[in-house]
């Protein structure tokens, strides 16, 4: 089942959910009339993709939103999954480690050149990226530099898993 269909199933299961002007009874009646649980065309109708996205965005036969910048169709769910894999790959974390070392090195150079009597201690604001893997690597790579974490709300300590 596509991600869009799963989200819509939740909305249909909770009839009190507000939907952008489309009567829920129309949507659920259409699904019942087709003797099916859900369909890509119902997803397209629910989110009015043709009204705001045409001719560039539509829903494909799998129920995923696709973009058609020219003649080629690109599934947005597949794009998001590929980007997620890239962000979890080692080169991203090597980049992260290098940037932390670079910032710390720049401050250390100025502190040394100015004969400053203290040290620099950076703080990473978790609101920038709460992804568990990113935060764990920030802590791991930043620990030699005494890098801290800043959590601005009660929800930020509950990082994404």
N, C-alpha and C. Protein backbone atom coordinates (compact mmCIF):
# COMPACT_ATOMS: atom_id res chain seq x y z
N UNK A 1 0.85 -1.17 0.00
CA UNK A 1 0.00 0.00 0.00
C UNK A 1 0.90 1.23 0.00
N UNK A 2 0.55 2.22 -0.78
CA UNK A 2 1.37 3.42 -0.86
C UNK A 2 1.27 4.25 0.41
N UNK A 3 2.25 5.11 0.60
CA UNK A 3 2.27 5.98 1.78
C UNK A 3 1.06 6.91 1.78
N UNK A 4 0.71 7.41 0.61
CA UNK A 4 -0.42 8.32 0.52
C UNK A 4 -1.71 7.60 0.89
N UNK A 5 -1.86 6.37 0.45
CA UNK A 5 -3.07 5.60 0.78
C UNK A 5 -3.16 5.34 2.27
N UNK A 6 -2.02 5.05 2.91
CA UNK A 6 -2.02 4.83 4.37
C UNK A 6 -2.49 6.07 5.10
N UNK A 7 -2.01 7.23 4.68
CA UNK A 7 -2.43 8.48 5.32
C UNK A 7 -3.91 8.72 5.13
N UNK A 8 -4.39 8.43 3.94
CA UNK A 8 -5.80 8.65 3.64
C UNK A 8 -6.66 7.66 4.41
N UNK A 9 -6.19 6.43 4.57
CA UNK A 9 -6.93 5.45 5.36
C UNK A 9 -7.17 5.97 6.78
N UNK A 10 -6.18 6.62 7.35
CA UNK A 10 -6.32 7.17 8.69
C UNK A 10 -7.39 8.27 8.69
N UNK A 11 -7.38 9.11 7.68
CA UNK A 11 -8.36 10.19 7.59
C UNK A 11 -9.77 9.62 7.45
N UNK A 12 -9.91 8.60 6.61
CA UNK A 12 -11.23 8.00 6.40
C UNK A 12 -11.71 7.30 7.66
N UNK A 13 -10.77 6.72 8.41
CA UNK A 13 -11.15 6.03 9.65
C UNK A 13 -11.61 7.00 10.73
N UNK A 14 -11.24 8.26 10.61
CA UNK A 14 -11.61 9.28 11.58
C UNK A 14 -12.43 10.37 10.87
N UNK A 15 -13.73 10.16 10.72
CA UNK A 15 -14.57 11.07 9.94
C UNK A 15 -14.58 12.50 10.44
N UNK A 16 -14.14 12.77 11.64
CA UNK A 16 -14.15 14.15 12.14
C UNK A 16 -13.00 14.97 11.56
N UNK A 17 -12.06 14.34 10.84
CA UNK A 17 -10.92 15.06 10.29
C UNK A 17 -11.36 16.06 9.25
N UNK A 18 -10.89 17.30 9.35
CA UNK A 18 -11.25 18.30 8.34
C UNK A 18 -10.48 18.05 7.06
N UNK A 19 -11.16 18.07 5.94
CA UNK A 19 -10.52 17.91 4.65
C UNK A 19 -10.81 19.15 3.83
N UNK A 20 -9.85 19.59 3.10
CA UNK A 20 -9.91 20.86 2.39
C UNK A 20 -11.14 21.04 1.51
N UNK A 21 -12.31 21.09 2.12
CA UNK A 21 -13.52 21.41 1.38
C UNK A 21 -14.20 20.25 0.69
N UNK A 22 -13.62 19.07 0.70
CA UNK A 22 -14.25 17.92 0.05
C UNK A 22 -15.06 17.18 1.09
N UNK A 23 -16.35 17.00 0.85
CA UNK A 23 -17.16 16.25 1.82
C UNK A 23 -16.66 14.82 1.95
N UNK A 24 -16.40 14.40 3.18
CA UNK A 24 -15.89 13.06 3.43
C UNK A 24 -16.86 11.99 2.97
N UNK A 25 -18.15 12.26 3.08
CA UNK A 25 -19.14 11.28 2.65
C UNK A 25 -19.01 10.99 1.16
N UNK A 26 -18.68 12.00 0.37
CA UNK A 26 -18.50 11.80 -1.07
C UNK A 26 -17.34 10.85 -1.33
N UNK A 27 -16.25 11.06 -0.61
CA UNK A 27 -15.06 10.24 -0.82
C UNK A 27 -15.31 8.80 -0.38
N UNK A 28 -15.87 8.61 0.81
CA UNK A 28 -16.08 7.25 1.30
C UNK A 28 -17.19 6.55 0.49
N UNK A 29 -18.19 7.30 0.04
CA UNK A 29 -19.24 6.70 -0.78
C UNK A 29 -18.68 6.22 -2.10
N UNK A 30 -17.78 7.02 -2.70
CA UNK A 30 -17.16 6.63 -3.97
C UNK A 30 -16.33 5.36 -3.78
N UNK A 31 -15.58 5.30 -2.67
CA UNK A 31 -14.77 4.11 -2.40
C UNK A 31 -15.65 2.88 -2.22
N UNK A 32 -16.78 3.05 -1.53
CA UNK A 32 -17.69 1.93 -1.32
C UNK A 32 -18.34 1.50 -2.64
N UNK A 33 -18.69 2.48 -3.47
CA UNK A 33 -19.34 2.17 -4.75
C UNK A 33 -18.39 1.38 -5.66
N UNK A 34 -17.10 1.67 -5.58
CA UNK A 34 -16.12 0.95 -6.39
C UNK A 34 -15.79 -0.40 -5.78
N UNK A 35 -16.40 -0.71 -4.64
CA UNK A 35 -16.17 -1.97 -3.95
C UNK A 35 -14.68 -2.18 -3.64
N UNK A 36 -14.01 -1.07 -3.31
CA UNK A 36 -12.59 -1.16 -2.98
C UNK A 36 -12.32 -0.31 -1.75
N UNK A 37 -11.15 -0.52 -1.17
CA UNK A 37 -10.79 0.24 0.04
C UNK A 37 -10.35 1.66 -0.32
N UNK A 38 -9.47 1.77 -1.29
CA UNK A 38 -8.99 3.08 -1.72
C UNK A 38 -8.38 2.95 -3.09
N UNK A 39 -8.23 4.06 -3.78
CA UNK A 39 -7.62 4.02 -5.11
C UNK A 39 -6.81 5.29 -5.33
N UNK A 40 -5.87 5.23 -6.27
CA UNK A 40 -5.08 6.43 -6.58
C UNK A 40 -5.95 7.60 -7.04
N UNK A 41 -7.01 7.34 -7.77
CA UNK A 41 -7.86 8.44 -8.23
C UNK A 41 -8.58 9.10 -7.04
N UNK A 42 -8.93 8.32 -6.04
CA UNK A 42 -9.55 8.90 -4.85
C UNK A 42 -8.53 9.76 -4.09
N UNK A 43 -7.29 9.32 -4.05
CA UNK A 43 -6.24 10.13 -3.43
C UNK A 43 -6.09 11.45 -4.18
N UNK A 44 -6.07 11.36 -5.48
CA UNK A 44 -5.95 12.56 -6.30
C UNK A 44 -7.11 13.51 -6.08
N UNK A 45 -8.31 12.96 -5.97
CA UNK A 45 -9.49 13.79 -5.72
C UNK A 45 -9.46 14.40 -4.31
N UNK A 46 -9.08 13.60 -3.34
CA UNK A 46 -9.05 14.06 -1.96
C UNK A 46 -8.12 15.26 -1.79
N UNK A 47 -6.93 15.17 -2.36
CA UNK A 47 -5.94 16.24 -2.20
C UNK A 47 -6.01 17.28 -3.31
N UNK A 48 -6.98 17.11 -4.21
CA UNK A 48 -7.19 18.05 -5.33
C UNK A 48 -5.90 18.35 -6.07
N UNK A 49 -5.16 17.30 -6.34
CA UNK A 49 -3.85 17.45 -6.98
C UNK A 49 -3.97 18.11 -8.34
N UNK A 50 -4.99 17.77 -9.10
CA UNK A 50 -5.15 18.39 -10.42
C UNK A 50 -5.41 19.88 -10.32
N UNK A 51 -6.04 20.33 -9.24
CA UNK A 51 -6.35 21.75 -9.07
C UNK A 51 -5.09 22.57 -8.77
N UNK A 52 -4.19 22.04 -7.95
CA UNK A 52 -3.01 22.82 -7.60
C UNK A 52 -1.74 22.35 -8.30
N UNK A 53 -1.73 21.10 -8.76
CA UNK A 53 -0.48 20.56 -9.28
C UNK A 53 -0.41 20.36 -10.77
N UNK A 54 -1.56 20.36 -11.43
CA UNK A 54 -1.57 20.09 -12.86
C UNK A 54 -0.87 21.17 -13.66
N UNK A 55 -0.17 20.83 -14.67
CA UNK A 55 0.06 19.50 -15.23
C UNK A 55 1.31 18.81 -14.67
N UNK A 56 1.93 19.41 -13.66
CA UNK A 56 3.22 18.89 -13.19
C UNK A 56 3.11 17.77 -12.17
N UNK A 57 2.10 17.79 -11.33
CA UNK A 57 1.95 16.78 -10.28
C UNK A 57 0.69 15.96 -10.52
N UNK A 58 0.78 14.67 -10.18
CA UNK A 58 -0.37 13.79 -10.26
C UNK A 58 -0.12 12.59 -9.33
N UNK A 59 -1.07 11.68 -9.27
CA UNK A 59 -0.92 10.46 -8.49
C UNK A 59 -0.79 9.30 -9.47
N UNK A 60 0.23 8.47 -9.31
CA UNK A 60 0.43 7.36 -10.23
C UNK A 60 -0.40 6.14 -9.81
N UNK A 61 -0.29 5.06 -10.55
CA UNK A 61 -1.09 3.86 -10.29
C UNK A 61 -0.76 3.20 -8.96
N UNK A 62 0.41 3.51 -8.39
CA UNK A 62 0.79 2.98 -7.08
C UNK A 62 0.24 3.82 -5.94
N UNK A 63 -0.34 4.98 -6.28
CA UNK A 63 -0.88 5.86 -5.26
C UNK A 63 0.12 6.88 -4.75
N UNK A 64 1.27 6.99 -5.41
CA UNK A 64 2.30 7.94 -5.00
C UNK A 64 2.20 9.22 -5.82
N UNK A 65 2.55 10.34 -5.20
CA UNK A 65 2.58 11.60 -5.93
C UNK A 65 3.80 11.58 -6.83
N UNK A 66 3.60 11.98 -8.09
CA UNK A 66 4.70 12.04 -9.05
C UNK A 66 4.76 13.44 -9.63
N UNK A 67 5.95 13.80 -10.08
CA UNK A 67 6.15 15.09 -10.74
C UNK A 67 6.60 14.81 -12.17
N UNK A 68 6.12 15.63 -13.09
CA UNK A 68 6.45 15.50 -14.51
C UNK A 68 7.03 16.83 -14.99
N UNK A 69 8.32 17.07 -14.73
CA UNK A 69 8.89 18.35 -15.14
C UNK A 69 8.93 18.50 -16.66
N UNK A 70 9.12 17.41 -17.36
CA UNK A 70 9.06 17.42 -18.82
C UNK A 70 8.27 16.20 -19.22
N UNK A 71 8.89 15.27 -19.91
CA UNK A 71 8.16 14.08 -20.32
C UNK A 71 8.37 12.91 -19.39
N UNK A 72 9.42 12.98 -18.57
CA UNK A 72 9.73 11.89 -17.65
C UNK A 72 8.95 12.08 -16.35
N UNK A 73 8.42 10.97 -15.83
CA UNK A 73 7.66 11.00 -14.58
C UNK A 73 8.56 10.54 -13.44
N UNK A 74 8.62 11.32 -12.34
CA UNK A 74 9.46 10.96 -11.20
C UNK A 74 8.58 10.79 -9.96
N UNK A 75 8.69 9.63 -9.34
CA UNK A 75 7.93 9.30 -8.14
C UNK A 75 8.57 10.00 -6.94
N UNK A 76 7.84 10.89 -6.28
CA UNK A 76 8.40 11.66 -5.16
C UNK A 76 8.77 10.77 -3.98
N UNK A 77 8.02 9.70 -3.75
CA UNK A 77 8.36 8.79 -2.65
C UNK A 77 9.71 8.13 -2.89
N UNK A 78 9.98 7.72 -4.14
CA UNK A 78 11.28 7.12 -4.46
C UNK A 78 12.41 8.13 -4.30
N UNK A 79 12.16 9.38 -4.67
CA UNK A 79 13.17 10.42 -4.52
C UNK A 79 13.49 10.63 -3.04
N UNK A 80 12.46 10.71 -2.21
CA UNK A 80 12.66 10.90 -0.78
C UNK A 80 13.43 9.73 -0.18
N UNK A 81 13.10 8.51 -0.58
CA UNK A 81 13.82 7.33 -0.06
C UNK A 81 15.29 7.35 -0.46
N UNK A 82 15.58 7.74 -1.71
CA UNK A 82 16.98 7.81 -2.16
C UNK A 82 17.74 8.87 -1.39
N UNK A 83 17.14 10.02 -1.20
CA UNK A 83 17.79 11.09 -0.46
C UNK A 83 18.04 10.65 0.98
N UNK A 84 17.07 9.96 1.58
CA UNK A 84 17.23 9.48 2.96
C UNK A 84 18.41 8.51 3.06
N UNK A 85 18.54 7.62 2.07
CA UNK A 85 19.67 6.68 2.08
C UNK A 85 20.99 7.43 1.94
N UNK A 86 21.03 8.45 1.07
CA UNK A 86 22.25 9.23 0.90
C UNK A 86 22.63 9.94 2.19
N UNK A 87 21.64 10.50 2.87
CA UNK A 87 21.93 11.21 4.11
C UNK A 87 22.43 10.29 5.20
N UNK A 88 22.05 9.02 5.12
CA UNK A 88 22.49 8.05 6.13
C UNK A 88 23.83 7.41 5.75
N UNK A 89 24.32 7.72 4.55
CA UNK A 89 25.56 7.08 4.11
C UNK A 89 26.76 7.74 4.77
N UNK A 90 27.89 7.09 4.69
CA UNK A 90 29.08 7.53 5.42
C UNK A 90 29.62 8.87 4.94
N UNK A 91 29.48 9.19 3.66
CA UNK A 91 30.05 10.46 3.19
C UNK A 91 29.39 11.65 3.86
N UNK A 92 28.10 11.55 4.18
CA UNK A 92 27.42 12.65 4.85
C UNK A 92 28.00 12.85 6.25
N UNK A 93 28.25 11.75 6.94
CA UNK A 93 28.77 11.86 8.29
C UNK A 93 30.25 12.27 8.30
N UNK A 94 30.99 11.90 7.25
CA UNK A 94 32.36 12.39 7.11
C UNK A 94 32.35 13.90 6.91
N UNK A 95 31.39 14.38 6.14
CA UNK A 95 31.23 15.81 5.92
C UNK A 95 30.89 16.52 7.23
N UNK A 96 29.99 15.93 7.98
CA UNK A 96 29.59 16.48 9.27
C UNK A 96 30.79 16.58 10.22
N UNK A 97 31.56 15.49 10.30
CA UNK A 97 32.74 15.47 11.16
C UNK A 97 33.75 16.54 10.72
N UNK A 98 33.98 16.65 9.42
CA UNK A 98 34.92 17.63 8.90
C UNK A 98 34.49 19.05 9.21
N UNK A 99 33.19 19.34 9.10
CA UNK A 99 32.70 20.70 9.39
C UNK A 99 32.87 21.04 10.87
N UNK A 100 32.59 20.09 11.74
CA UNK A 100 32.78 20.33 13.18
C UNK A 100 34.25 20.60 13.49
N UNK A 101 35.15 19.80 12.89
CA UNK A 101 36.58 20.00 13.10
C UNK A 101 37.03 21.34 12.54
N UNK A 102 36.49 21.73 11.40
CA UNK A 102 36.86 22.98 10.75
C UNK A 102 36.44 24.20 11.58
N UNK A 103 35.21 24.18 12.09
CA UNK A 103 34.73 25.29 12.93
C UNK A 103 35.56 25.38 14.20
N UNK A 104 35.79 24.24 14.83
CA UNK A 104 36.58 24.24 16.06
C UNK A 104 38.00 24.72 15.78
N UNK A 105 38.59 24.28 14.67
CA UNK A 105 39.94 24.70 14.31
C UNK A 105 40.04 26.20 14.07
N UNK A 106 39.03 26.77 13.43
CA UNK A 106 39.02 28.22 13.19
C UNK A 106 38.98 28.99 14.50
N UNK A 107 38.14 28.58 15.41
CA UNK A 107 38.08 29.24 16.71
C UNK A 107 39.38 29.05 17.49
N UNK A 108 39.93 27.84 17.45
CA UNK A 108 41.19 27.59 18.18
C UNK A 108 42.32 28.47 17.65
N UNK A 109 42.37 28.67 16.34
CA UNK A 109 43.41 29.51 15.74
C UNK A 109 43.29 30.95 16.22
N UNK A 110 42.08 31.49 16.23
CA UNK A 110 41.87 32.86 16.69
C UNK A 110 42.15 32.97 18.19
N UNK A 111 41.72 32.01 18.96
CA UNK A 111 41.97 32.02 20.41
C UNK A 111 43.47 32.01 20.68
N UNK A 112 44.19 31.19 19.96
CA UNK A 112 45.65 31.11 20.13
C UNK A 112 46.31 32.41 19.67
N UNK A 113 45.93 32.92 18.48
CA UNK A 113 46.58 34.11 17.93
C UNK A 113 46.31 35.36 18.77
N UNK A 114 45.20 35.39 19.46
CA UNK A 114 44.86 36.56 20.28
C UNK A 114 45.22 36.36 21.76
N UNK A 115 45.80 35.22 22.04
CA UNK A 115 46.19 34.88 23.41
C UNK A 115 45.00 35.01 24.37
N UNK A 116 43.89 34.51 23.90
CA UNK A 116 42.65 34.55 24.68
C UNK A 116 42.73 33.52 25.78
N UNK A 117 42.28 33.83 26.95
CA UNK A 117 42.48 32.97 28.12
C UNK A 117 41.45 31.88 28.30
N UNK A 118 40.53 31.72 27.37
CA UNK A 118 39.48 30.70 27.55
C UNK A 118 39.41 29.83 26.30
N UNK A 119 38.30 29.18 26.12
CA UNK A 119 38.15 28.29 24.97
C UNK A 119 36.76 28.49 24.34
N UNK A 120 36.61 27.93 23.14
CA UNK A 120 35.34 27.98 22.42
C UNK A 120 34.58 26.70 22.69
N UNK A 121 33.31 26.82 22.98
CA UNK A 121 32.46 25.65 23.15
C UNK A 121 31.21 25.86 22.32
N UNK A 122 31.10 25.12 21.22
CA UNK A 122 29.95 25.23 20.34
C UNK A 122 28.73 24.53 20.91
N UNK A 123 27.58 24.91 20.41
CA UNK A 123 26.32 24.30 20.81
C UNK A 123 25.51 24.03 19.54
N UNK A 124 25.06 22.80 19.38
CA UNK A 124 24.25 22.42 18.23
C UNK A 124 22.77 22.57 18.58
N UNK A 125 22.04 23.44 17.86
CA UNK A 125 20.60 23.57 18.11
C UNK A 125 19.84 22.41 17.47
N UNK A 126 19.25 21.56 18.28
CA UNK A 126 18.58 20.37 17.78
C UNK A 126 17.42 20.68 16.85
N UNK A 127 16.88 21.90 16.90
CA UNK A 127 15.77 22.23 16.01
C UNK A 127 16.22 22.22 14.55
N UNK A 128 17.53 22.32 14.31
CA UNK A 128 18.04 22.29 12.94
C UNK A 128 17.85 20.92 12.29
N UNK A 129 18.09 19.88 13.02
CA UNK A 129 17.90 18.51 12.52
C UNK A 129 17.82 17.59 13.73
N UNK A 130 16.64 17.03 13.96
CA UNK A 130 16.43 16.18 15.12
C UNK A 130 16.61 14.70 14.81
N UNK A 131 17.04 14.39 13.61
CA UNK A 131 17.23 12.99 13.24
C UNK A 131 18.21 12.34 14.21
N UNK A 132 17.81 11.20 14.73
CA UNK A 132 18.59 10.50 15.75
C UNK A 132 20.03 10.26 15.33
N UNK A 133 20.22 9.81 14.07
CA UNK A 133 21.57 9.47 13.60
C UNK A 133 22.44 10.72 13.48
N UNK A 134 21.86 11.81 13.06
CA UNK A 134 22.62 13.06 12.96
C UNK A 134 23.02 13.54 14.35
N UNK A 135 22.06 13.55 15.28
CA UNK A 135 22.35 14.03 16.64
C UNK A 135 23.40 13.13 17.30
N UNK A 136 23.28 11.81 17.13
CA UNK A 136 24.27 10.90 17.73
C UNK A 136 25.67 11.18 17.18
N UNK A 137 25.76 11.44 15.87
CA UNK A 137 27.08 11.71 15.29
C UNK A 137 27.60 13.08 15.71
N UNK A 138 26.72 14.05 15.85
CA UNK A 138 27.14 15.37 16.35
C UNK A 138 27.75 15.20 17.75
N UNK A 139 27.10 14.40 18.59
CA UNK A 139 27.60 14.15 19.95
C UNK A 139 28.94 13.42 19.87
N UNK A 140 29.03 12.40 19.03
CA UNK A 140 30.26 11.60 18.92
C UNK A 140 31.42 12.45 18.37
N UNK A 141 31.19 13.15 17.26
CA UNK A 141 32.26 13.93 16.65
C UNK A 141 32.56 15.20 17.43
N UNK A 142 31.57 15.72 18.14
CA UNK A 142 31.76 16.96 18.88
C UNK A 142 32.30 16.79 20.28
N UNK A 143 32.31 15.56 20.80
CA UNK A 143 32.75 15.36 22.19
C UNK A 143 34.20 15.79 22.44
N UNK A 144 35.15 15.60 21.52
CA UNK A 144 36.51 16.10 21.81
C UNK A 144 36.56 17.63 21.92
N UNK A 145 35.55 18.31 21.38
CA UNK A 145 35.52 19.78 21.40
C UNK A 145 34.55 20.33 22.44
N UNK A 146 34.00 19.46 23.26
CA UNK A 146 33.01 19.85 24.27
C UNK A 146 31.76 20.48 23.64
N UNK A 147 31.38 19.99 22.47
CA UNK A 147 30.20 20.51 21.78
C UNK A 147 28.95 20.13 22.56
N UNK A 148 28.08 21.08 22.79
CA UNK A 148 26.85 20.83 23.53
C UNK A 148 25.64 20.74 22.61
N UNK A 149 24.53 20.30 23.16
CA UNK A 149 23.26 20.26 22.44
C UNK A 149 22.32 21.26 23.07
N UNK A 150 21.58 21.96 22.24
CA UNK A 150 20.58 22.91 22.73
C UNK A 150 19.20 22.39 22.34
N UNK A 151 18.38 22.14 23.33
CA UNK A 151 17.01 21.70 23.09
C UNK A 151 16.08 22.82 23.55
N UNK A 152 15.40 23.44 22.59
CA UNK A 152 14.60 24.61 22.90
C UNK A 152 13.19 24.33 23.33
N UNK A 153 12.71 23.11 23.23
CA UNK A 153 11.35 22.81 23.64
C UNK A 153 11.30 21.44 24.28
N UNK A 154 10.16 21.12 24.84
CA UNK A 154 10.00 19.82 25.50
C UNK A 154 10.04 18.67 24.50
N UNK A 155 9.67 18.94 23.23
CA UNK A 155 9.60 17.86 22.25
C UNK A 155 10.96 17.51 21.65
N UNK A 156 11.89 18.45 21.61
CA UNK A 156 13.17 18.19 20.95
C UNK A 156 13.97 17.06 21.58
N UNK A 157 13.97 16.86 22.90
CA UNK A 157 14.71 15.72 23.45
C UNK A 157 14.16 14.37 22.98
N UNK A 158 12.96 14.34 22.47
CA UNK A 158 12.38 13.10 21.94
C UNK A 158 12.70 13.02 20.46
N UNK A 159 13.97 12.80 20.16
CA UNK A 159 14.45 12.81 18.78
C UNK A 159 13.74 11.75 17.93
N UNK A 160 13.71 12.02 16.61
CA UNK A 160 13.14 11.06 15.68
C UNK A 160 13.98 9.81 15.71
N UNK A 161 13.33 8.70 15.51
CA UNK A 161 14.04 7.42 15.54
C UNK A 161 14.18 6.86 14.17
